[in-house]
Amino acid sequence: MAHTSNLAGFIIDCHTDDLNAAADFWARALRMEKIVLPAEEGERYIRLKDPNLPLHIEVQKVEHDSRVHLDIETDDIDAEVLRLEALGATKVRYVHTWCVMQAPTGQRFCVVRKKSA
């Protein structure tokens, strides 16, 4: 059986020392609820939630330049990485349980594990 994949959501990468202020801006700009995540995860990510949108949207504190990237979720990361490489994407690096990739057009994106329903 072939693996499945789909758009999971968008991550707003912010090169900032004040993740909370960055998330406040984006929550207000997008009219979304800000959800602080627990423990260590909350030091790097704040979730934004719109009850009318099924997409996963987070504000992430990063060391690189600020940008927006998308996540593709899949039930088989290795198979999806191979499929995307065949389309012209390149693997940048594996991080924890996901893979950072780059499209042939230069944009970075992540291949992440599908969240259980």
Protein backbone atom coordinates (compact mmCIF):
# COMPACT_ATOMS: atom_id res chain seq x y z
CA MET A 1 0.00 0.00 0.00
CA ALA A 2 1.30 3.48 -0.88
CA HIS A 3 1.94 5.97 1.86
CA THR A 4 -0.23 9.06 2.29
CA SER A 5 0.71 12.71 2.72
CA ASN A 6 -0.98 16.11 2.84
CA LEU A 7 -0.48 19.71 3.91
CA ALA A 8 -0.33 19.84 7.70
CA GLY A 9 0.01 23.58 8.18
CA PHE A 10 2.33 26.55 8.33
CA ILE A 11 5.12 27.51 10.70
CA ILE A 12 5.97 31.20 11.15
CA ASP A 13 9.72 31.22 11.84
CA CYS A 14 10.68 34.27 13.91
CA HIS A 15 14.26 35.31 14.57
CA THR A 16 13.46 36.94 17.90
CA ASP A 17 14.37 37.03 21.56
CA ASP A 18 10.69 37.48 22.51
CA LEU A 19 8.64 34.57 21.20
CA ASN A 20 5.59 35.68 23.19
CA ALA A 21 5.55 39.13 21.57
CA ALA A 22 6.00 37.58 18.12
CA ALA A 23 3.11 35.18 18.77
CA ASP A 24 0.97 38.06 20.11
CA PHE A 25 1.45 39.92 16.84
CA TRP A 26 0.61 36.93 14.63
CA ALA A 27 -2.34 35.86 16.77
CA ARG A 28 -3.84 39.33 16.53
CA ALA A 29 -2.95 39.78 12.84
CA LEU A 30 -4.55 36.44 11.91
CA ARG A 31 -7.38 36.72 14.48
CA MET A 32 -6.41 33.45 16.11
CA GLU A 33 -6.19 32.22 19.68
CA LYS A 34 -2.68 31.90 21.10
CA ILE A 35 -2.01 28.58 22.84
CA VAL A 36 1.15 28.31 24.93
CA LEU A 37 2.66 24.84 24.74
CA PRO A 38 4.00 22.96 27.77
CA ALA A 39 7.57 22.66 29.07
CA GLU A 40 10.53 22.72 26.68
CA GLU A 41 8.29 22.78 23.60
CA GLY A 42 6.81 26.07 24.84
CA GLU A 43 10.24 27.71 24.80
CA ARG A 44 10.41 27.41 20.98
CA TYR A 45 6.80 27.17 19.78
CA ILE A 46 3.43 28.84 20.38
CA ARG A 47 0.40 27.43 18.59
CA LEU A 48 -2.18 29.61 16.86
CA LYS A 49 -5.70 28.23 16.58
CA ASP A 50 -8.69 29.18 14.49
CA PRO A 51 -11.73 26.98 15.20
CA ASN A 52 -12.73 27.30 11.52
CA LEU A 53 -9.41 26.08 10.07
CA PRO A 54 -8.07 22.53 10.36
CA LEU A 55 -4.47 23.60 9.63
CA HIS A 56 -1.72 23.42 12.23
CA ILE A 57 -0.16 26.88 12.61
CA GLU A 58 2.69 27.71 14.98
CA VAL A 59 5.03 30.60 15.71
CA GLN A 60 8.55 29.20 16.12
CA LYS A 61 11.62 30.88 17.62
CA VAL A 62 14.58 30.32 15.26
CA GLU A 63 18.22 31.34 14.81
CA HIS A 64 18.00 31.80 11.01
CA ASP A 65 16.26 34.65 9.19
CA SER A 66 12.52 35.00 9.73
CA ARG A 67 10.34 33.27 7.13
CA VAL A 68 7.23 31.13 6.77
CA HIS A 69 7.50 27.45 5.91
CA LEU A 70 4.96 24.71 5.40
CA ASP A 71 4.84 21.20 6.83
CA ILE A 72 3.82 18.13 4.84
CA GLU A 73 2.58 15.34 7.10
CA THR A 74 2.86 11.70 6.15
CA ASP A 75 2.50 8.20 7.54
CA ASP A 76 5.93 7.26 6.11
CA ILE A 77 8.59 9.97 6.30
CA ASP A 78 11.29 8.03 4.44
CA ALA A 79 8.95 7.18 1.55
CA GLU A 80 7.72 10.77 1.32
CA VAL A 81 11.29 12.13 1.34
CA LEU A 82 12.15 9.76 -1.53
CA ARG A 83 9.03 10.83 -3.46
CA LEU A 84 9.88 14.51 -3.02
CA GLU A 85 13.52 13.94 -3.99
CA ALA A 86 12.28 12.30 -7.20
CA LEU A 87 10.35 15.52 -7.87
CA GLY A 88 13.54 17.58 -7.45
CA ALA A 89 13.60 18.47 -3.74
CA THR A 90 16.77 17.98 -1.71
CA LYS A 91 17.22 16.76 1.84
CA VAL A 92 18.71 19.44 4.12
CA ARG A 93 18.83 17.46 7.40
CA TYR A 94 16.86 15.23 9.72
CA VAL A 95 15.80 16.88 13.01
CA HIS A 96 14.32 14.70 15.75
CA THR A 97 11.42 12.96 13.99
CA TRP A 98 11.11 15.13 10.86
CA CYS A 99 13.12 16.02 7.77
CA VAL A 100 13.90 19.54 6.55
CA MET A 101 13.89 19.70 2.76
CA GLN A 102 14.37 22.33 0.08
CA ALA A 103 12.25 22.67 -3.04
CA PRO A 104 14.00 23.11 -6.39
CA THR A 105 12.71 26.71 -6.23
CA GLY A 106 14.60 27.36 -2.97
CA GLN A 107 11.86 27.27 -0.31
CA ARG A 108 12.45 25.14 2.77
CA PHE A 109 9.71 22.87 4.14
CA CYS A 110 9.43 20.00 6.59
CA VAL A 111 8.18 16.44 6.24
CA VAL A 112 6.59 15.48 9.57
CA ARG A 113 4.83 12.48 11.07
CA LYS A 114 1.08 12.38 10.60
CA LYS A 115 -0.67 13.10 13.88
CA SER A 116 -3.06 10.39 14.97
CA ALA A 117 -6.72 11.31 14.55
